[in-house]
Amino acid sequence: SWIKYTNLQASDIAQNPLIPECFKHVVDGGELSETATDIIVEVLRMCAPDINIYQPVIHVIMSQLGSLRSKFEALLSRGVEAALESEEERILQICRIYVEVGECLVPLVMTQCADAQIVSILEVILRCTDLPSEEISSIRLEFWH
């Protein structure tokens, strides 16, 4: 992705509407949701080597996870099989984002495992683990490895 080749400062990325708009596209679905997912994942990978420097970006991402979790739960509320039959791609996108957040925040997961936001991230990853979809199941292997 082009994002990893930019020289933007963390504060510039955090103040840019790109991240909230990407989350909006994932929550709303549509033709841009896959691209939006890729951008979010790439930003998280960019942040992972030094989450302290990218703290403003992490804060913006964390603030967007509530709406993403609500959408995930709404999709699954119709029943897992029905959700996977009609919305597997969207569920996959949400799980990809949550797994990447978990991987990015491993230092926080290890030190702040009782924090409500960290617990919420882990709960969604665990729910993704329980889904009977090989494609979705395979994305979580790295986090648990």
N, C-alpha and C. Protein backbone atom coordinates (compact mmCIF):
# COMPACT_ATOMS: atom_id res chain seq x y z
N SER A 1 0.83 -1.19 0.00
CA SER A 1 0.00 0.00 0.00
C SER A 1 0.88 1.25 0.00
N TRP A 2 0.37 2.29 -0.55
CA TRP A 2 1.11 3.54 -0.67
C TRP A 2 1.35 4.20 0.68
N ILE A 3 0.56 3.89 1.67
CA ILE A 3 0.65 4.56 2.97
C ILE A 3 2.01 4.34 3.62
N LYS A 4 2.55 3.13 3.48
CA LYS A 4 3.82 2.85 4.15
C LYS A 4 4.98 3.64 3.55
N TYR A 5 4.79 4.23 2.39
CA TYR A 5 5.86 5.00 1.75
C TYR A 5 5.73 6.51 1.98
N THR A 6 4.81 6.91 2.83
CA THR A 6 4.64 8.34 3.10
C THR A 6 5.56 8.77 4.24
N ASN A 7 5.79 10.06 4.32
CA ASN A 7 6.58 10.63 5.40
C ASN A 7 5.71 11.47 6.33
N LEU A 8 4.49 11.04 6.51
CA LEU A 8 3.57 11.78 7.37
C LEU A 8 3.89 11.54 8.83
N GLN A 9 3.74 12.56 9.61
CA GLN A 9 3.91 12.45 11.06
C GLN A 9 2.65 11.82 11.65
N ALA A 10 2.81 11.21 12.81
CA ALA A 10 1.66 10.57 13.47
C ALA A 10 0.53 11.55 13.71
N SER A 11 0.86 12.76 14.10
CA SER A 11 -0.19 13.76 14.36
C SER A 11 -0.94 14.12 13.07
N ASP A 12 -0.24 14.15 11.95
CA ASP A 12 -0.89 14.44 10.66
C ASP A 12 -1.87 13.33 10.29
N ILE A 13 -1.45 12.10 10.48
CA ILE A 13 -2.31 10.96 10.17
C ILE A 13 -3.53 10.97 11.09
N ALA A 14 -3.30 11.22 12.36
CA ALA A 14 -4.39 11.21 13.35
C ALA A 14 -5.42 12.30 13.07
N GLN A 15 -4.99 13.44 12.57
CA GLN A 15 -5.90 14.56 12.32
C GLN A 15 -6.59 14.47 10.97
N ASN A 16 -6.09 13.62 10.11
CA ASN A 16 -6.67 13.46 8.78
C ASN A 16 -7.96 12.65 8.88
N PRO A 17 -8.99 13.00 8.14
CA PRO A 17 -10.25 12.25 8.21
C PRO A 17 -10.20 10.87 7.53
N LEU A 18 -9.05 10.50 6.99
CA LEU A 18 -8.94 9.23 6.28
C LEU A 18 -9.34 8.04 7.15
N ILE A 19 -8.81 7.94 8.36
CA ILE A 19 -9.09 6.77 9.20
C ILE A 19 -10.57 6.68 9.58
N PRO A 20 -11.18 7.75 10.10
CA PRO A 20 -12.62 7.65 10.39
C PRO A 20 -13.46 7.33 9.15
N GLU A 21 -13.09 7.89 8.02
CA GLU A 21 -13.84 7.60 6.79
C GLU A 21 -13.69 6.14 6.37
N CYS A 22 -12.50 5.60 6.54
CA CYS A 22 -12.30 4.18 6.22
C CYS A 22 -13.17 3.31 7.12
N PHE A 23 -13.19 3.60 8.41
CA PHE A 23 -14.04 2.83 9.31
C PHE A 23 -15.51 2.96 8.92
N LYS A 24 -15.92 4.15 8.51
CA LYS A 24 -17.30 4.37 8.08
C LYS A 24 -17.63 3.47 6.88
N HIS A 25 -16.70 3.38 5.94
CA HIS A 25 -16.94 2.54 4.76
C HIS A 25 -17.00 1.05 5.12
N VAL A 26 -16.22 0.63 6.08
CA VAL A 26 -16.28 -0.77 6.51
C VAL A 26 -17.61 -1.04 7.20
N VAL A 27 -18.02 -0.15 8.08
CA VAL A 27 -19.29 -0.32 8.80
C VAL A 27 -20.47 -0.29 7.83
N ASP A 28 -20.45 0.66 6.89
CA ASP A 28 -21.57 0.82 5.95
C ASP A 28 -21.57 -0.23 4.85
N GLY A 29 -20.42 -0.83 4.56
CA GLY A 29 -20.32 -1.78 3.46
C GLY A 29 -20.23 -1.05 2.14
N GLY A 30 -20.32 -1.77 1.07
CA GLY A 30 -20.26 -1.15 -0.24
C GLY A 30 -18.94 -1.42 -0.94
N GLU A 31 -18.81 -0.80 -2.09
CA GLU A 31 -17.67 -1.11 -2.95
C GLU A 31 -16.32 -0.63 -2.41
N LEU A 32 -16.30 0.32 -1.50
CA LEU A 32 -15.04 0.82 -0.96
C LEU A 32 -14.63 0.14 0.35
N SER A 33 -15.45 -0.77 0.86
CA SER A 33 -15.14 -1.35 2.17
C SER A 33 -13.87 -2.20 2.16
N GLU A 34 -13.60 -2.91 1.10
CA GLU A 34 -12.38 -3.73 1.03
C GLU A 34 -11.14 -2.83 0.99
N THR A 35 -11.19 -1.79 0.19
CA THR A 35 -10.07 -0.85 0.12
C THR A 35 -9.89 -0.15 1.46
N ALA A 36 -10.98 0.22 2.09
CA ALA A 36 -10.92 0.87 3.40
C ALA A 36 -10.29 -0.07 4.43
N THR A 37 -10.64 -1.34 4.38
CA THR A 37 -10.04 -2.33 5.28
C THR A 37 -8.54 -2.42 5.05
N ASP A 38 -8.14 -2.46 3.79
CA ASP A 38 -6.71 -2.53 3.46
C ASP A 38 -5.95 -1.32 4.00
N ILE A 39 -6.55 -0.16 3.91
CA ILE A 39 -5.91 1.07 4.42
C ILE A 39 -5.76 1.00 5.93
N ILE A 40 -6.82 0.61 6.63
CA ILE A 40 -6.76 0.50 8.09
C ILE A 40 -5.68 -0.49 8.50
N VAL A 41 -5.66 -1.63 7.86
CA VAL A 41 -4.66 -2.66 8.17
C VAL A 41 -3.25 -2.13 7.93
N GLU A 42 -3.06 -1.42 6.83
CA GLU A 42 -1.73 -0.89 6.52
C GLU A 42 -1.30 0.18 7.52
N VAL A 43 -2.22 1.02 7.94
CA VAL A 43 -1.90 2.03 8.96
C VAL A 43 -1.50 1.33 10.26
N LEU A 44 -2.22 0.29 10.64
CA LEU A 44 -1.87 -0.46 11.85
C LEU A 44 -0.49 -1.11 11.74
N ARG A 45 -0.18 -1.65 10.58
CA ARG A 45 1.15 -2.24 10.38
C ARG A 45 2.24 -1.18 10.45
N MET A 46 1.93 0.00 9.99
CA MET A 46 2.87 1.11 10.06
C MET A 46 3.10 1.51 11.52
N CYS A 47 2.07 1.44 12.33
CA CYS A 47 2.15 1.83 13.74
C CYS A 47 2.83 0.78 14.61
N ALA A 48 2.72 -0.47 14.25
CA ALA A 48 3.15 -1.58 15.11
C ALA A 48 4.59 -1.51 15.59
N PRO A 49 5.55 -1.12 14.76
CA PRO A 49 6.94 -1.12 15.26
C PRO A 49 7.18 -0.15 16.42
N ASP A 50 6.40 0.92 16.50
CA ASP A 50 6.59 1.87 17.60
C ASP A 50 5.27 2.53 17.96
N ILE A 51 4.49 1.83 18.79
CA ILE A 51 3.16 2.35 19.12
C ILE A 51 3.23 3.62 19.96
N ASN A 52 4.36 3.88 20.59
CA ASN A 52 4.49 5.12 21.36
C ASN A 52 4.51 6.34 20.44
N ILE A 53 5.27 6.25 19.35
CA ILE A 53 5.32 7.37 18.39
C ILE A 53 3.95 7.56 17.74
N TYR A 54 3.27 6.46 17.45
CA TYR A 54 1.99 6.51 16.74
C TYR A 54 0.80 6.54 17.68
N GLN A 55 1.01 6.89 18.93
CA GLN A 55 -0.08 6.93 19.91
C GLN A 55 -1.28 7.74 19.44
N PRO A 56 -1.09 8.92 18.81
CA PRO A 56 -2.28 9.66 18.34
C PRO A 56 -3.09 8.87 17.30
N VAL A 57 -2.42 8.13 16.46
CA VAL A 57 -3.10 7.33 15.44
C VAL A 57 -3.83 6.16 16.11
N ILE A 58 -3.16 5.51 17.05
CA ILE A 58 -3.77 4.40 17.79
C ILE A 58 -5.03 4.89 18.51
N HIS A 59 -4.95 6.08 19.08
CA HIS A 59 -6.11 6.65 19.78
C HIS A 59 -7.31 6.82 18.82
N VAL A 60 -7.04 7.33 17.63
CA VAL A 60 -8.12 7.50 16.64
C VAL A 60 -8.70 6.14 16.25
N ILE A 61 -7.84 5.17 16.01
CA ILE A 61 -8.30 3.84 15.64
C ILE A 61 -9.13 3.22 16.77
N MET A 62 -8.64 3.32 17.98
CA MET A 62 -9.38 2.76 19.12
C MET A 62 -10.75 3.42 19.27
N SER A 63 -10.83 4.71 18.96
CA SER A 63 -12.12 5.40 19.08
C SER A 63 -13.13 4.94 18.04
N GLN A 64 -12.66 4.30 16.99
CA GLN A 64 -13.54 3.84 15.91
C GLN A 64 -14.00 2.39 16.10
N LEU A 65 -13.38 1.68 17.02
CA LEU A 65 -13.67 0.25 17.16
C LEU A 65 -15.08 -0.03 17.69
N GLY A 66 -15.66 0.89 18.44
CA GLY A 66 -17.00 0.66 18.97
C GLY A 66 -18.04 0.46 17.88
N SER A 67 -18.01 1.31 16.88
CA SER A 67 -18.99 1.18 15.79
C SER A 67 -18.73 -0.08 14.97
N LEU A 68 -17.46 -0.44 14.86
CA LEU A 68 -17.11 -1.66 14.12
C LEU A 68 -17.60 -2.89 14.88
N ARG A 69 -17.44 -2.89 16.19
CA ARG A 69 -17.92 -4.03 16.99
C ARG A 69 -19.44 -4.11 16.94
N SER A 70 -20.10 -2.96 17.00
CA SER A 70 -21.57 -2.95 16.91
C SER A 70 -22.04 -3.56 15.60
N LYS A 71 -21.37 -3.23 14.50
CA LYS A 71 -21.73 -3.78 13.20
C LYS A 71 -21.49 -5.29 13.18
N PHE A 72 -20.36 -5.71 13.73
CA PHE A 72 -20.02 -7.13 13.81
C PHE A 72 -21.11 -7.89 14.57
N GLU A 73 -21.50 -7.38 15.71
CA GLU A 73 -22.54 -8.03 16.52
C GLU A 73 -23.89 -8.01 15.81
N ALA A 74 -24.19 -6.92 15.13
CA ALA A 74 -25.46 -6.84 14.38
C ALA A 74 -25.49 -7.88 13.26
N LEU A 75 -24.38 -8.04 12.57
CA LEU A 75 -24.32 -9.04 11.49
C LEU A 75 -24.51 -10.44 12.04
N LEU A 76 -23.88 -10.73 13.17
CA LEU A 76 -23.97 -12.08 13.74
C LEU A 76 -25.28 -12.33 14.48
N SER A 77 -26.02 -11.28 14.80
CA SER A 77 -27.27 -11.44 15.55
C SER A 77 -28.33 -12.20 14.77
N ARG A 78 -28.19 -12.25 13.46
CA ARG A 78 -29.15 -13.00 12.63
C ARG A 78 -28.86 -14.49 12.64
N GLY A 79 -27.79 -14.87 13.32
CA GLY A 79 -27.32 -16.25 13.33
C GLY A 79 -26.04 -16.34 12.52
N VAL A 80 -25.12 -17.12 13.00
CA VAL A 80 -23.80 -17.20 12.39
C VAL A 80 -23.89 -17.69 10.94
N GLU A 81 -24.61 -18.76 10.71
CA GLU A 81 -24.70 -19.32 9.35
C GLU A 81 -25.32 -18.32 8.38
N ALA A 82 -26.41 -17.68 8.79
CA ALA A 82 -27.06 -16.69 7.92
C ALA A 82 -26.13 -15.52 7.65
N ALA A 83 -25.43 -15.08 8.69
CA ALA A 83 -24.51 -13.95 8.52
C ALA A 83 -23.39 -14.31 7.55
N LEU A 84 -22.82 -15.49 7.70
CA LEU A 84 -21.74 -15.90 6.81
C LEU A 84 -22.22 -16.09 5.39
N GLU A 85 -23.44 -16.57 5.25
CA GLU A 85 -23.98 -16.77 3.91
C GLU A 85 -24.16 -15.46 3.16
N SER A 86 -24.61 -14.42 3.86
CA SER A 86 -24.91 -13.17 3.17
C SER A 86 -23.85 -12.09 3.34
N GLU A 87 -23.04 -12.17 4.39
CA GLU A 87 -22.11 -11.07 4.70
C GLU A 87 -20.70 -11.55 5.05
N GLU A 88 -20.27 -12.66 4.48
CA GLU A 88 -18.96 -13.21 4.85
C GLU A 88 -17.82 -12.22 4.59
N GLU A 89 -17.88 -11.50 3.48
CA GLU A 89 -16.81 -10.55 3.17
C GLU A 89 -16.72 -9.43 4.21
N ARG A 90 -17.86 -8.92 4.64
CA ARG A 90 -17.85 -7.86 5.66
C ARG A 90 -17.35 -8.38 6.99
N ILE A 91 -17.75 -9.58 7.35
CA ILE A 91 -17.27 -10.18 8.59
C ILE A 91 -15.77 -10.41 8.50
N LEU A 92 -15.31 -10.87 7.36
CA LEU A 92 -13.88 -11.06 7.15
C LEU A 92 -13.13 -9.74 7.32
N GLN A 93 -13.65 -8.67 6.76
CA GLN A 93 -13.01 -7.36 6.88
C GLN A 93 -12.90 -6.93 8.34
N ILE A 94 -13.98 -7.10 9.07
CA ILE A 94 -13.99 -6.70 10.49
C ILE A 94 -12.99 -7.55 11.27
N CYS A 95 -12.97 -8.84 11.03
CA CYS A 95 -12.03 -9.71 11.73
C CYS A 95 -10.59 -9.36 11.36
N ARG A 96 -10.33 -9.06 10.10
CA ARG A 96 -8.97 -8.65 9.69
C ARG A 96 -8.53 -7.42 10.48
N ILE A 97 -9.41 -6.46 10.62
CA ILE A 97 -9.06 -5.22 11.34
C ILE A 97 -8.79 -5.53 12.81
N TYR A 98 -9.68 -6.29 13.43
CA TYR A 98 -9.49 -6.59 14.86
C TYR A 98 -8.22 -7.40 15.11
N VAL A 99 -7.92 -8.36 14.26
CA VAL A 99 -6.70 -9.14 14.44
C VAL A 99 -5.48 -8.23 14.28
N GLU A 100 -5.53 -7.33 13.31
CA GLU A 100 -4.40 -6.41 13.11
C GLU A 100 -4.26 -5.46 14.30
N VAL A 101 -5.37 -4.99 14.85
CA VAL A 101 -5.31 -4.15 16.05
C VAL A 101 -4.65 -4.95 17.18
N GLY A 102 -5.08 -6.19 17.37
CA GLY A 102 -4.49 -7.03 18.41
C GLY A 102 -3.00 -7.23 18.21
N GLU A 103 -2.58 -7.49 16.97
CA GLU A 103 -1.16 -7.68 16.69
C GLU A 103 -0.38 -6.39 16.92
N CYS A 104 -0.94 -5.28 16.53
CA CYS A 104 -0.29 -3.98 16.71
C CYS A 104 -0.12 -3.67 18.19
N LEU A 105 -1.09 -4.04 18.97
CA LEU A 105 -1.11 -3.67 20.39
C LEU A 105 -0.65 -4.77 21.34
N VAL A 106 0.09 -5.74 20.85
CA VAL A 106 0.55 -6.83 21.71
C VAL A 106 1.21 -6.31 22.99
N PRO A 107 2.07 -5.28 22.93
CA PRO A 107 2.64 -4.78 24.19
C PRO A 107 1.57 -4.32 25.19
N LEU A 108 0.53 -3.68 24.69
CA LEU A 108 -0.56 -3.24 25.57
C LEU A 108 -1.39 -4.42 26.05
N VAL A 109 -1.60 -5.39 25.18
CA VAL A 109 -2.35 -6.58 25.57
C VAL A 109 -1.63 -7.28 26.73
N MET A 110 -0.31 -7.32 26.66
CA MET A 110 0.48 -7.99 27.69
C MET A 110 0.50 -7.22 29.01
N THR A 111 0.48 -5.90 28.94
CA THR A 111 0.61 -5.11 30.17
C THR A 111 -0.71 -4.58 30.71
N GLN A 112 -1.72 -4.48 29.84
CA GLN A 112 -3.00 -3.90 30.26
C GLN A 112 -4.15 -4.84 29.94
N CYS A 113 -3.97 -6.10 30.21
CA CYS A 113 -4.95 -7.11 29.83
C CYS A 113 -6.30 -6.96 30.53
N ALA A 114 -6.36 -6.17 31.59
CA ALA A 114 -7.63 -5.94 32.28
C ALA A 114 -8.36 -4.70 31.77
N ASP A 115 -7.71 -3.91 30.93
CA ASP A 115 -8.32 -2.71 30.38
C ASP A 115 -9.53 -3.09 29.51
N ALA A 116 -10.63 -2.37 29.68
CA ALA A 116 -11.88 -2.70 28.98
C ALA A 116 -11.72 -2.69 27.46
N GLN A 117 -10.96 -1.74 26.92
CA GLN A 117 -10.78 -1.70 25.46
C GLN A 117 -9.98 -2.90 24.97
N ILE A 118 -8.96 -3.29 25.71
CA ILE A 118 -8.15 -4.44 25.34
C ILE A 118 -8.99 -5.72 25.43
N VAL A 119 -9.76 -5.84 26.48
CA VAL A 119 -10.64 -7.01 26.65
C VAL A 119 -11.65 -7.07 25.50
N SER A 120 -12.19 -5.93 25.10
CA SER A 120 -13.14 -5.88 23.99
C SER A 120 -12.50 -6.36 22.69
N ILE A 121 -11.28 -5.94 22.44
CA ILE A 121 -10.56 -6.38 21.23
C ILE A 121 -10.38 -7.90 21.27
N LEU A 122 -9.95 -8.40 22.39
CA LEU A 122 -9.74 -9.85 22.52
C LEU A 122 -11.05 -10.63 22.38
N GLU A 123 -12.14 -10.08 22.90
CA GLU A 123 -13.44 -10.75 22.76
C GLU A 123 -13.85 -10.87 21.30
N VAL A 124 -13.65 -9.81 20.53
CA VAL A 124 -14.02 -9.88 19.11
C VAL A 124 -13.12 -10.88 18.39
N ILE A 125 -11.82 -10.87 18.69
CA ILE A 125 -10.93 -11.85 18.06
C ILE A 125 -11.36 -13.26 18.41
N LEU A 126 -11.73 -13.49 19.66
CA LEU A 126 -12.21 -14.82 20.06
C LEU A 126 -13.50 -15.19 19.32
N ARG A 127 -14.39 -14.24 19.16
CA ARG A 127 -15.64 -14.53 18.42
C ARG A 127 -15.33 -14.85 16.96
N CYS A 128 -14.35 -14.16 16.40
CA CYS A 128 -13.93 -14.47 15.03
C CYS A 128 -13.39 -15.90 14.96
N THR A 129 -12.68 -16.30 16.00
CA THR A 129 -12.11 -17.66 16.06
C THR A 129 -13.20 -18.72 16.02
N ASP A 130 -14.37 -18.38 16.54
CA ASP A 130 -15.46 -19.34 16.64
C ASP A 130 -16.27 -19.45 15.36
N LEU A 131 -15.99 -18.64 14.37
CA LEU A 131 -16.78 -18.66 13.14
C LEU A 131 -16.38 -19.84 12.26
N PRO A 132 -17.38 -20.55 11.72
CA PRO A 132 -17.09 -21.72 10.88
C PRO A 132 -16.77 -21.34 9.43
N SER A 133 -15.74 -20.55 9.25
CA SER A 133 -15.29 -20.14 7.92
C SER A 133 -13.77 -20.30 7.88
N GLU A 134 -13.30 -21.14 6.99
CA GLU A 134 -11.85 -21.38 6.91
C GLU A 134 -11.09 -20.09 6.57
N GLU A 135 -11.64 -19.30 5.67
CA GLU A 135 -10.96 -18.06 5.30
C GLU A 135 -10.84 -17.10 6.49
N ILE A 136 -11.91 -16.96 7.24
CA ILE A 136 -11.87 -16.08 8.41
C ILE A 136 -10.99 -16.70 9.51
N SER A 137 -11.11 -17.97 9.72
CA SER A 137 -10.33 -18.64 10.76
C SER A 137 -8.83 -18.51 10.52
N SER A 138 -8.41 -18.55 9.29
CA SER A 138 -6.98 -18.53 8.99
C SER A 138 -6.31 -17.18 9.30
N ILE A 139 -7.05 -16.09 9.33
CA ILE A 139 -6.41 -14.80 9.58
C ILE A 139 -6.02 -14.63 11.04
N ARG A 140 -6.60 -15.38 11.93
CA ARG A 140 -6.30 -15.23 13.34
C ARG A 140 -5.11 -16.04 13.80
N LEU A 141 -4.59 -16.90 12.97
CA LEU A 141 -3.52 -17.79 13.42
C LEU A 141 -2.28 -17.03 13.85
N GLU A 142 -1.92 -15.99 13.15
CA GLU A 142 -0.72 -15.22 13.50
C GLU A 142 -0.85 -14.57 14.88
N PHE A 143 -2.03 -14.06 15.21
CA PHE A 143 -2.20 -13.40 16.51
C PHE A 143 -1.94 -14.38 17.65
N TRP A 144 -2.46 -15.59 17.54
CA TRP A 144 -2.32 -16.56 18.62
C TRP A 144 -0.98 -17.26 18.59
N HIS A 145 -0.26 -17.18 17.49
CA HIS A 145 1.04 -17.85 17.36
C HIS A 145 2.02 -17.10 18.13
